[in-house]
Amino acid sequence: MYHYFSTLNSSFITLTSLFVKYRKIEYTLLPDLAPHKIHAKIQVHVSRKCLFRGATDSGPLQHVDMVLSDREGNVIYAEIPGNLAEQKATNIEKGGVYDINRFRVCATKTVFKIVDGDKMIQFTFHTIVKRATSPPTTFPLYVYRLTSFYQIEPHVQTTNIFVDVLGVITEIHELTHVHVRSQLTPTVTRTIIIKDLTNKTMKITLWADQAIMFTLHDVYDANTNKPILVLFVECLPKFYKGVYLSGGPACRWYFNPAIPEAEPYLTSANKSNINSPEKDDGDKDTAQV
């Protein structure tokens, strides 16, 4: 009899220990975050990550910007101060899923807003970040809020929001060096023209590294005539000889994104000429895609 209860007791302790060790962690969803919930733990996908070095993109690191999403598709902007970047941001990769706790929740910025919402996350010295083990597969691949080409002009020369746009590429210009008053040396730029379903066009000017990195090499197929759809995120509306979008260090793009808004483009897809510069000498040629 004693041995029987002793065995049960031992089994109970073992099972309890296993339950404590492997019990399901309760993560806080992003909309439920609040400044007073200091013990909140979140599991998030890093949709975007950008190093912000100021307007010239050549100064000292000021902060690391991230767009995070939870398993239900909610999103939030997060910021790592420059003095904590080496310690906190080095091991955080775009596309990774992480468990994060001991962070600060505060009011979001009123300028250069990347995502909607009134809250943001700020990392502190005490913030703990661990790569998630066996996370769910429900995290969104793309985070965006599309703005119609017709609604961009009211945002020109304002600093309240970034805009995201979707369209078919019609032109890619060669790299061009321009002089900016705030910089001693010329900056390289590249202009891309896209059109929407109404055939309205929009010019996107990429700057510096973004201009150099933009290429169709991975998506171009000379044997097809399929138009190339592109989603640009984090662009600033500007005006110079007309409305255009400026793509700085935070700007990202996704070719032929698998999003619901892309479906009308696919069903109405026709042959499209892309005016594109040659790879080496910068001369223009016309490619059928």
C-alpha atoms as a PDB file:
ATOM      1  CA  MET A   1       0.000   0.000   0.000  1.00  0.00           C
ATOM      2  CA  TYR A   2       2.746   2.426   0.902  1.00  0.00           C
ATOM      3  CA  HIS A   3       4.652   1.603  -2.262  1.00  0.00           C
ATOM      4  CA  TYR A   4       1.526   2.237  -4.337  1.00  0.00           C
ATOM      5  CA  PHE A   5       0.976   5.742  -2.948  1.00  0.00           C
ATOM      6  CA  SER A   6       4.670   6.460  -3.115  1.00  0.00           C
ATOM      7  CA  THR A   7       4.641   5.659  -6.838  1.00  0.00           C
ATOM      8  CA  LEU A   8       1.547   7.792  -7.442  1.00  0.00           C
ATOM      9  CA  ASN A   9       3.085  10.671  -5.557  1.00  0.00           C
ATOM     10  CA  SER A  10       6.305  10.395  -7.570  1.00  0.00           C
ATOM     11  CA  SER A  11       4.375  10.256 -10.834  1.00  0.00           C
ATOM     12  CA  PHE A  12       2.290  13.244  -9.812  1.00  0.00           C
ATOM     13  CA  ILE A  13       5.387  15.293  -9.045  1.00  0.00           C
ATOM     14  CA  THR A  14       6.979  14.296 -12.363  1.00  0.00           C
ATOM     15  CA  LEU A  15       3.863  15.086 -14.405  1.00  0.00           C
ATOM     16  CA  THR A  16       3.379  18.369 -12.585  1.00  0.00           C
ATOM     17  CA  SER A  17       6.962  19.337 -13.302  1.00  0.00           C
ATOM     18  CA  LEU A  18       6.502  18.506 -16.971  1.00  0.00           C
ATOM     19  CA  PHE A  19       3.292  20.520 -17.084  1.00  0.00           C
ATOM     20  CA  VAL A  20       4.979  23.535 -15.528  1.00  0.00           C
ATOM     21  CA  LYS A  21       7.879  23.213 -17.966  1.00  0.00           C
ATOM     22  CA  TYR A  22       5.875  22.702 -21.130  1.00  0.00           C
ATOM     23  CA  ARG A  23       2.594  24.461 -20.368  1.00  0.00           C
ATOM     24  CA  LYS A  24       1.343  26.737 -23.109  1.00  0.00           C
ATOM     25  CA  ILE A  25       2.658  30.250 -22.759  1.00  0.00           C
ATOM     26  CA  GLU A  26      -0.037  32.897 -22.836  1.00  0.00           C
ATOM     27  CA  TYR A  27       1.086  35.655 -25.165  1.00  0.00           C
ATOM     28  CA  THR A  28      -0.486  39.088 -25.155  1.00  0.00           C
ATOM     29  CA  LEU A  29      -1.936  40.174 -28.486  1.00  0.00           C
ATOM     30  CA  LEU A  30      -0.666  43.515 -29.731  1.00  0.00           C
ATOM     31  CA  PRO A  31      -3.997  45.415 -29.399  1.00  0.00           C
ATOM     32  CA  ASP A  32      -4.126  44.383 -25.726  1.00  0.00           C
ATOM     33  CA  LEU A  33      -0.789  45.960 -24.834  1.00  0.00           C
ATOM     34  CA  ALA A  34      -0.928  48.840 -22.368  1.00  0.00           C
ATOM     35  CA  PRO A  35       1.679  50.837 -20.417  1.00  0.00           C
ATOM     36  CA  HIS A  36       0.542  49.341 -17.114  1.00  0.00           C
ATOM     37  CA  LYS A  37       0.910  45.732 -18.332  1.00  0.00           C
ATOM     38  CA  ILE A  38       4.584  45.553 -17.463  1.00  0.00           C
ATOM     39  CA  HIS A  39       4.704  41.746 -17.465  1.00  0.00           C
ATOM     40  CA  ALA A  40       3.273  41.292 -20.957  1.00  0.00           C
ATOM     41  CA  LYS A  41       4.999  38.801 -23.237  1.00  0.00           C
ATOM     42  CA  ILE A  42       4.467  38.866 -26.988  1.00  0.00           C
ATOM     43  CA  GLN A  43       5.305  36.489 -29.817  1.00  0.00           C
ATOM     44  CA  VAL A  44       5.819  38.447 -33.016  1.00  0.00           C
ATOM     45  CA  HIS A  45       7.040  38.173 -36.581  1.00  0.00           C
ATOM     46  CA  VAL A  46       9.538  40.821 -37.716  1.00  0.00           C
ATOM     47  CA  SER A  47       7.998  42.052 -40.953  1.00  0.00           C
ATOM     48  CA  ARG A  48      10.449  44.891 -41.493  1.00  0.00           C
ATOM     49  CA  LYS A  49      13.659  46.147 -39.904  1.00  0.00           C
ATOM     50  CA  CYS A  50      15.501  49.347 -40.757  1.00  0.00           C
ATOM     51  CA  LEU A  51      18.508  51.215 -39.368  1.00  0.00           C
ATOM     52  CA  PHE A  52      17.724  54.925 -39.116  1.00  0.00           C
ATOM     53  CA  ARG A  53      20.714  57.238 -39.443  1.00  0.00           C
ATOM     54  CA  GLY A  54      18.956  60.515 -40.108  1.00  0.00           C
ATOM     55  CA  ALA A  55      17.902  62.309 -43.258  1.00  0.00           C
ATOM     56  CA  THR A  56      21.227  61.737 -45.022  1.00  0.00           C
ATOM     57  CA  ASP A  57      21.436  58.017 -44.172  1.00  0.00           C
ATOM     58  CA  SER A  58      25.144  58.492 -43.467  1.00  0.00           C
ATOM     59  CA  GLY A  59      25.159  59.724 -39.890  1.00  0.00           C
ATOM     60  CA  PRO A  60      25.434  57.793 -36.628  1.00  0.00           C
ATOM     61  CA  LEU A  61      22.748  55.227 -35.883  1.00  0.00           C
ATOM     62  CA  GLN A  62      19.853  56.919 -34.099  1.00  0.00           C
ATOM     63  CA  HIS A  63      17.484  53.986 -33.704  1.00  0.00           C
ATOM     64  CA  VAL A  64      16.400  50.678 -35.227  1.00  0.00           C
ATOM     65  CA  ASP A  65      12.851  50.649 -36.591  1.00  0.00           C
ATOM     66  CA  MET A  66      10.780  47.476 -36.833  1.00  0.00           C
ATOM     67  CA  VAL A  67       7.279  46.500 -37.883  1.00  0.00           C
ATOM     68  CA  LEU A  68       6.027  43.581 -35.797  1.00  0.00           C
ATOM     69  CA  SER A  69       2.940  41.419 -36.308  1.00  0.00           C
ATOM     70  CA  ASP A  70       1.281  38.855 -34.047  1.00  0.00           C
ATOM     71  CA  ARG A  71      -0.330  35.540 -34.962  1.00  0.00           C
ATOM     72  CA  GLU A  72      -3.698  37.217 -35.647  1.00  0.00           C
ATOM     73  CA  GLY A  73      -2.265  39.774 -38.054  1.00  0.00           C
ATOM     74  CA  ASN A  74      -2.227  42.758 -35.698  1.00  0.00           C
ATOM     75  CA  VAL A  75       0.743  45.065 -36.237  1.00  0.00           C
ATOM     76  CA  ILE A  76       2.745  47.575 -34.218  1.00  0.00           C
ATOM     77  CA  TYR A  77       5.789  49.776 -34.663  1.00  0.00           C
ATOM     78  CA  ALA A  78       8.778  49.025 -32.423  1.00  0.00           C
ATOM     79  CA  GLU A  79      11.944  51.010 -31.836  1.00  0.00           C
ATOM     80  CA  ILE A  80      15.347  50.127 -30.412  1.00  0.00           C
ATOM     81  CA  PRO A  81      17.368  53.186 -29.283  1.00  0.00           C
ATOM     82  CA  GLY A  82      20.741  53.589 -30.962  1.00  0.00           C
ATOM     83  CA  ASN A  83      22.681  53.030 -27.743  1.00  0.00           C
ATOM     84  CA  LEU A  84      21.029  49.611 -27.335  1.00  0.00           C
ATOM     85  CA  ALA A  85      21.199  48.539 -30.982  1.00  0.00           C
ATOM     86  CA  GLU A  86      24.338  46.425 -30.727  1.00  0.00           C
ATOM     87  CA  GLN A  87      23.016  44.591 -27.684  1.00  0.00           C
ATOM     88  CA  LYS A  88      19.361  44.182 -28.655  1.00  0.00           C
ATOM     89  CA  ALA A  89      19.090  44.375 -32.457  1.00  0.00           C
ATOM     90  CA  THR A  90      22.032  42.347 -33.724  1.00  0.00           C
ATOM     91  CA  ASN A  91      20.344  38.961 -33.385  1.00  0.00           C
ATOM     92  CA  ILE A  92      16.911  40.077 -34.576  1.00  0.00           C
ATOM     93  CA  GLU A  93      16.410  39.141 -38.219  1.00  0.00           C
ATOM     94  CA  LYS A  94      13.758  40.256 -40.661  1.00  0.00           C
ATOM     95  CA  GLY A  95      11.342  37.365 -41.137  1.00  0.00           C
ATOM     96  CA  GLY A  96      12.128  35.817 -37.760  1.00  0.00           C
ATOM     97  CA  VAL A  97       9.627  35.068 -34.989  1.00  0.00           C
ATOM     98  CA  TYR A  98      10.575  36.064 -31.449  1.00  0.00           C
ATOM     99  CA  ASP A  99       9.296  36.015 -27.891  1.00  0.00           C
ATOM    100  CA  ILE A 100       9.766  39.472 -26.374  1.00  0.00           C
ATOM    101  CA  ASN A 101       9.080  40.769 -22.880  1.00  0.00           C
ATOM    102  CA  ARG A 102      10.140  43.525 -20.466  1.00  0.00           C
ATOM    103  CA  PHE A 103       9.648  46.305 -22.987  1.00  0.00           C
ATOM    104  CA  ARG A 104       7.993  49.709 -22.726  1.00  0.00           C
ATOM    105  CA  VAL A 105       4.608  50.521 -24.277  1.00  0.00           C
ATOM    106  CA  CYS A 106       4.121  54.198 -25.057  1.00  0.00           C
ATOM    107  CA  ALA A 107       2.193  56.549 -27.333  1.00  0.00           C
ATOM    108  CA  THR A 108       3.108  56.195 -30.986  1.00  0.00           C
ATOM    109  CA  LYS A 109       4.901  58.899 -32.934  1.00  0.00           C
ATOM    110  CA  THR A 110       2.791  61.554 -34.584  1.00  0.00           C
ATOM    111  CA  VAL A 111       5.135  61.954 -37.574  1.00  0.00           C
ATOM    112  CA  PHE A 112       6.434  59.416 -40.079  1.00  0.00           C
ATOM    113  CA  LYS A 113       3.866  56.847 -38.996  1.00  0.00           C
ATOM    114  CA  ILE A 114       4.515  53.436 -40.517  1.00  0.00           C
ATOM    115  CA  VAL A 115       1.431  51.592 -39.280  1.00  0.00           C
ATOM    116  CA  ASP A 116      -1.921  52.596 -37.838  1.00  0.00           C
ATOM    117  CA  GLY A 117      -2.469  52.610 -34.104  1.00  0.00           C
ATOM    118  CA  ASP A 118      -1.915  54.780 -31.046  1.00  0.00           C
ATOM    119  CA  LYS A 119       0.744  52.638 -29.345  1.00  0.00           C
ATOM    120  CA  MET A 120       4.325  51.618 -30.020  1.00  0.00           C
ATOM    121  CA  ILE A 121       6.932  49.409 -28.387  1.00  0.00           C
ATOM    122  CA  GLN A 122      10.239  50.738 -27.166  1.00  0.00           C
ATOM    123  CA  PHE A 123      13.067  48.419 -26.178  1.00  0.00           C
ATOM    124  CA  THR A 124      14.899  49.107 -22.918  1.00  0.00           C
ATOM    125  CA  PHE A 125      18.051  47.797 -21.298  1.00  0.00           C
ATOM    126  CA  HIS A 126      15.915  45.123 -19.608  1.00  0.00           C
ATOM    127  CA  THR A 127      14.104  43.885 -22.737  1.00  0.00           C
ATOM    128  CA  ILE A 128      14.492  40.147 -23.331  1.00  0.00           C
ATOM    129  CA  VAL A 129      14.339  38.726 -26.860  1.00  0.00           C
ATOM    130  CA  LYS A 130      14.387  35.006 -27.651  1.00  0.00           C
ATOM    131  CA  ARG A 131      13.809  33.274 -30.971  1.00  0.00           C
ATOM    132  CA  ALA A 132      10.499  31.420 -30.806  1.00  0.00           C
ATOM    133  CA  THR A 133      10.473  27.635 -30.904  1.00  0.00           C
ATOM    134  CA  SER A 134       7.818  26.002 -33.113  1.00  0.00           C
ATOM    135  CA  PRO A 135       5.783  29.190 -33.668  1.00  0.00           C
ATOM    136  CA  PRO A 136       2.441  29.035 -35.509  1.00  0.00           C
ATOM    137  CA  THR A 137       2.344  29.644 -39.250  1.00  0.00           C
ATOM    138  CA  THR A 138      -0.410  32.263 -39.133  1.00  0.00           C
ATOM    139  CA  PHE A 139       1.820  35.338 -39.087  1.00  0.00           C
ATOM    140  CA  PRO A 140       1.203  37.606 -42.110  1.00  0.00           C
ATOM    141  CA  LEU A 141       3.893  37.633 -44.779  1.00  0.00           C
ATOM    142  CA  TYR A 142       3.133  41.207 -45.844  1.00  0.00           C
ATOM    143  CA  VAL A 143       2.232  44.206 -43.722  1.00  0.00           C
ATOM    144  CA  TYR A 144       0.813  47.129 -45.687  1.00  0.00           C
ATOM    145  CA  ARG A 145      -1.972  49.717 -45.952  1.00  0.00           C
ATOM    146  CA  LEU A 146      -2.535  50.653 -49.571  1.00  0.00           C
ATOM    147  CA  THR A 147      -3.131  54.236 -50.636  1.00  0.00           C
ATOM    148  CA  SER A 148      -4.839  54.992 -53.939  1.00  0.00           C
ATOM    149  CA  PHE A 149      -2.761  57.008 -56.396  1.00  0.00           C
ATOM    150  CA  TYR A 150      -5.595  59.550 -56.371  1.00  0.00           C
ATOM    151  CA  GLN A 151      -5.261  60.039 -52.596  1.00  0.00           C
ATOM    152  CA  ILE A 152      -1.517  60.672 -52.446  1.00  0.00           C
ATOM    153  CA  GLU A 153      -1.433  64.383 -53.320  1.00  0.00           C
ATOM    154  CA  PRO A 154      -3.104  65.560 -50.054  1.00  0.00           C
ATOM    155  CA  HIS A 155      -0.190  64.021 -48.143  1.00  0.00           C
ATOM    156  CA  VAL A 156       2.503  65.838 -50.140  1.00  0.00           C
ATOM    157  CA  GLN A 157       5.071  67.670 -47.998  1.00  0.00           C
ATOM    158  CA  THR A 158       3.567  66.346 -44.784  1.00  0.00           C
ATOM    159  CA  THR A 159       5.412  64.197 -42.287  1.00  0.00           C
ATOM    160  CA  ASN A 160       2.479  62.422 -40.718  1.00  0.00           C
ATOM    161  CA  ILE A 161       2.522  59.094 -42.534  1.00  0.00           C
ATOM    162  CA  PHE A 162       4.356  56.856 -44.941  1.00  0.00           C
ATOM    163  CA  VAL A 163       2.264  55.420 -47.767  1.00  0.00           C
ATOM    164  CA  ASP A 164       2.220  52.008 -49.441  1.00  0.00           C
ATOM    165  CA  VAL A 165       1.276  51.563 -53.101  1.00  0.00           C
ATOM    166  CA  LEU A 166       0.661  48.709 -55.525  1.00  0.00           C
ATOM    167  CA  GLY A 167       1.062  48.813 -59.291  1.00  0.00           C
ATOM    168  CA  VAL A 168       2.488  47.337 -62.482  1.00  0.00           C
ATOM    169  CA  ILE A 169       5.994  48.427 -63.459  1.00  0.00           C
ATOM    170  CA  THR A 170       6.113  50.341 -66.745  1.00  0.00           C
ATOM    171  CA  GLU A 171       9.518  52.040 -66.579  1.00  0.00           C
ATOM    172  CA  ILE A 172      12.807  51.661 -64.734  1.00  0.00           C
ATOM    173  CA  HIS A 173      15.241  54.514 -65.227  1.00  0.00           C
ATOM    174  CA  GLU A 174      19.010  54.314 -65.080  1.00  0.00           C
ATOM    175  CA  LEU A 175      20.908  55.327 -61.965  1.00  0.00           C
ATOM    176  CA  THR A 176      21.303  59.093 -61.752  1.00  0.00           C
ATOM    177  CA  HIS A 177      23.525  61.187 -59.497  1.00  0.00           C
ATOM    178  CA  VAL A 178      21.886  64.223 -57.924  1.00  0.00           C
ATOM    179  CA  HIS A 179      23.167  66.941 -55.612  1.00  0.00           C
ATOM    180  CA  VAL A 180      21.312  67.423 -52.343  1.00  0.00           C
ATOM    181  CA  ARG A 181      21.877  70.594 -50.332  1.00  0.00           C
ATOM    182  CA  SER A 182      22.279  68.686 -47.068  1.00  0.00           C
ATOM    183  CA  GLN A 183      25.085  66.504 -48.464  1.00  0.00           C
ATOM    184  CA  LEU A 184      28.588  67.287 -49.679  1.00  0.00           C
ATOM    185  CA  THR A 185      28.717  64.490 -52.238  1.00  0.00           C
ATOM    186  CA  PRO A 186      26.168  63.533 -54.920  1.00  0.00           C
ATOM    187  CA  THR A 187      23.564  60.896 -54.135  1.00  0.00           C
ATOM    188  CA  VAL A 188      22.527  58.169 -56.537  1.00  0.00           C
ATOM    189  CA  THR A 189      18.831  57.801 -57.372  1.00  0.00           C
ATOM    190  CA  ARG A 190      16.658  55.585 -59.541  1.00  0.00           C
ATOM    191  CA  THR A 191      13.142  56.308 -60.765  1.00  0.00           C
ATOM    192  CA  ILE A 192      10.499  53.621 -61.263  1.00  0.00           C
ATOM    193  CA  ILE A 193       7.120  54.273 -62.884  1.00  0.00           C
ATOM    194  CA  ILE A 194       4.149  52.100 -61.968  1.00  0.00           C
ATOM    195  CA  LYS A 195       0.489  52.189 -63.017  1.00  0.00           C
ATOM    196  CA  ASP A 196      -2.703  51.116 -61.298  1.00  0.00           C
ATOM    197  CA  LEU A 197      -5.802  49.410 -62.684  1.00  0.00           C
ATOM    198  CA  THR A 198      -7.076  52.713 -64.096  1.00  0.00           C
ATOM    199  CA  ASN A 199      -3.750  53.236 -65.913  1.00  0.00           C
ATOM    200  CA  LYS A 200      -2.910  56.193 -63.672  1.00  0.00           C
ATOM    201  CA  THR A 201       0.855  56.328 -63.215  1.00  0.00           C
ATOM    202  CA  MET A 202       2.983  57.133 -60.183  1.00  0.00           C
ATOM    203  CA  LYS A 203       6.688  57.902 -59.999  1.00  0.00           C
ATOM    204  CA  ILE A 204       8.774  56.376 -57.205  1.00  0.00           C
ATOM    205  CA  THR A 205      12.289  57.717 -56.681  1.00  0.00           C
ATOM    206  CA  LEU A 206      14.620  55.435 -54.755  1.00  0.00           C
ATOM    207  CA  TRP A 207      17.680  56.891 -53.056  1.00  0.00           C
ATOM    208  CA  ALA A 208      21.219  55.678 -52.334  1.00  0.00           C
ATOM    209  CA  ASP A 209      21.386  51.970 -51.446  1.00  0.00           C
ATOM    210  CA  GLN A 210      17.721  51.453 -52.277  1.00  0.00           C
ATOM    211  CA  ALA A 211      18.330  52.722 -55.815  1.00  0.00           C
ATOM    212  CA  ILE A 212      21.289  50.401 -56.285  1.00  0.00           C
ATOM    213  CA  MET A 213      19.524  47.342 -54.877  1.00  0.00           C
ATOM    214  CA  PHE A 214      16.416  47.610 -57.043  1.00  0.00           C
ATOM    215  CA  THR A 215      16.643  45.050 -59.843  1.00  0.00           C
ATOM    216  CA  LEU A 216      14.372  42.788 -61.880  1.00  0.00           C
ATOM    217  CA  HIS A 217      16.996  40.096 -62.359  1.00  0.00           C
ATOM    218  CA  ASP A 218      15.277  37.646 -60.019  1.00  0.00           C
ATOM    219  CA  VAL A 219      11.789  38.186 -61.462  1.00  0.00           C
ATOM    220  CA  TYR A 220      12.417  38.902 -65.132  1.00  0.00           C
ATOM    221  CA  ASP A 221      11.617  36.115 -67.591  1.00  0.00           C
ATOM    222  CA  ALA A 222      12.413  36.922 -71.216  1.00  0.00           C
ATOM    223  CA  ASN A 223      10.196  34.055 -72.384  1.00  0.00           C
ATOM    224  CA  THR A 224       6.985  35.472 -70.925  1.00  0.00           C
ATOM    225  CA  ASN A 225       4.959  38.615 -71.371  1.00  0.00           C
ATOM    226  CA  LYS A 226       3.632  38.785 -67.826  1.00  0.00           C
ATOM    227  CA  PRO A 227       3.556  42.240 -66.228  1.00  0.00           C
ATOM    228  CA  ILE A 228       5.503  42.613 -63.006  1.00  0.00           C
ATOM    229  CA  LEU A 229       3.432  43.776 -60.067  1.00  0.00           C
ATOM    230  CA  VAL A 230       5.219  45.505 -57.216  1.00  0.00           C
ATOM    231  CA  LEU A 231       4.216  46.542 -53.709  1.00  0.00           C
ATOM    232  CA  PHE A 232       6.191  49.506 -52.363  1.00  0.00           C
ATOM    233  CA  VAL A 233       5.961  50.211 -48.628  1.00  0.00           C
ATOM    234  CA  GLU A 234       7.125  53.157 -46.511  1.00  0.00           C
ATOM    235  CA  CYS A 235       7.257  55.857 -49.194  1.00  0.00           C
ATOM    236  CA  LEU A 236       6.982  59.591 -48.530  1.00  0.00           C
ATOM    237  CA  PRO A 237       4.774  61.732 -50.808  1.00  0.00           C
ATOM    238  CA  LYS A 238       6.718  64.616 -52.374  1.00  0.00           C
ATOM    239  CA  PHE A 239       6.262  67.236 -55.071  1.00  0.00           C
ATOM    240  CA  TYR A 240       8.837  68.211 -57.672  1.00  0.00           C
ATOM    241  CA  LYS A 241       7.547  68.792 -61.185  1.00  0.00           C
ATOM    242  CA  GLY A 242       4.559  66.752 -60.099  1.00  0.00           C
ATOM    243  CA  VAL A 243       3.589  64.381 -57.313  1.00  0.00           C
ATOM    244  CA  TYR A 244       5.950  61.483 -56.672  1.00  0.00           C
ATOM    245  CA  LEU A 245       6.915  59.068 -53.901  1.00  0.00           C
ATOM    246  CA  SER A 246      10.330  59.115 -52.268  1.00  0.00           C
ATOM    247  CA  GLY A 247      11.826  55.798 -51.209  1.00  0.00           C
ATOM    248  CA  GLY A 248      14.502  56.244 -48.563  1.00  0.00           C
ATOM    249  CA  PRO A 249      16.237  53.740 -46.259  1.00  0.00           C
ATOM    250  CA  ALA A 250      12.929  52.490 -44.834  1.00  0.00           C
ATOM    251  CA  CYS A 251      11.368  51.767 -48.229  1.00  0.00           C
ATOM    252  CA  ARG A 252      10.890  48.117 -49.173  1.00  0.00           C
ATOM    253  CA  TRP A 253       9.351  46.421 -52.194  1.00  0.00           C
ATOM    254  CA  TYR A 254       7.850  43.037 -52.988  1.00  0.00           C
ATOM    255  CA  PHE A 255       7.449  41.694 -56.509  1.00  0.00           C
ATOM    256  CA  ASN A 256       4.206  39.910 -57.411  1.00  0.00           C
ATOM    257  CA  PRO A 257       3.007  39.792 -53.797  1.00  0.00           C
ATOM    258  CA  ALA A 258       0.433  37.166 -52.865  1.00  0.00           C
ATOM    259  CA  ILE A 259      -2.135  39.603 -51.474  1.00  0.00           C
ATOM    260  CA  PRO A 260      -5.876  39.953 -52.191  1.00  0.00           C
ATOM    261  CA  GLU A 261      -5.412  43.348 -53.861  1.00  0.00           C
ATOM    262  CA  ALA A 262      -3.161  41.732 -56.472  1.00  0.00           C
ATOM    263  CA  GLU A 263      -5.930  39.507 -57.843  1.00  0.00           C
ATOM    264  CA  PRO A 264      -7.542  42.158 -60.109  1.00  0.00           C
ATOM    265  CA  TYR A 265      -4.157  42.818 -61.684  1.00  0.00           C
ATOM    266  CA  LEU A 266      -3.677  39.120 -62.386  1.00  0.00           C
ATOM    267  CA  THR A 267      -7.104  38.669 -63.951  1.00  0.00           C
ATOM    268  CA  SER A 268      -6.683  41.736 -66.163  1.00  0.00           C
ATOM    269  CA  ALA A 269      -3.032  41.105 -66.984  1.00  0.00           C
ATOM    270  CA  ASN A 270      -1.960  41.955 -70.514  1.00  0.00           C
ATOM    271  CA  LYS A 271       1.382  42.238 -72.225  1.00  0.00           C
ATOM    272  CA  SER A 272       3.454  45.047 -70.825  1.00  0.00           C
ATOM    273  CA  ASN A 273       6.536  46.878 -72.053  1.00  0.00           C
ATOM    274  CA  ILE A 274       9.023  47.856 -69.390  1.00  0.00           C
ATOM    275  CA  ASN A 275      11.508  50.545 -70.355  1.00  0.00           C
ATOM    276  CA  SER A 276      14.590  49.474 -68.453  1.00  0.00           C
ATOM    277  CA  PRO A 277      18.271  50.490 -68.508  1.00  0.00           C
ATOM    278  CA  GLU A 278      20.870  47.923 -69.447  1.00  0.00           C
ATOM    279  CA  LYS A 279      22.757  46.451 -66.543  1.00  0.00           C
ATOM    280  CA  ASP A 280      26.234  47.760 -67.261  1.00  0.00           C
ATOM    281  CA  ASP A 281      26.351  50.954 -69.304  1.00  0.00           C
ATOM    282  CA  GLY A 282      23.111  52.610 -68.233  1.00  0.00           C
ATOM    283  CA  ASP A 283      21.640  52.837 -71.766  1.00  0.00           C
ATOM    284  CA  LYS A 284      17.946  52.096 -72.038  1.00  0.00           C
ATOM    285  CA  ASP A 285      16.425  49.140 -73.764  1.00  0.00           C
ATOM    286  CA  THR A 286      12.914  47.777 -73.934  1.00  0.00           C
ATOM    287  CA  ALA A 287      12.176  44.357 -72.512  1.00  0.00           C
ATOM    288  CA  GLN A 288       8.983  42.390 -73.075  1.00  0.00           C
ATOM    289  CA  VAL A 289       7.731  40.982 -69.791  1.00  0.00           C
END
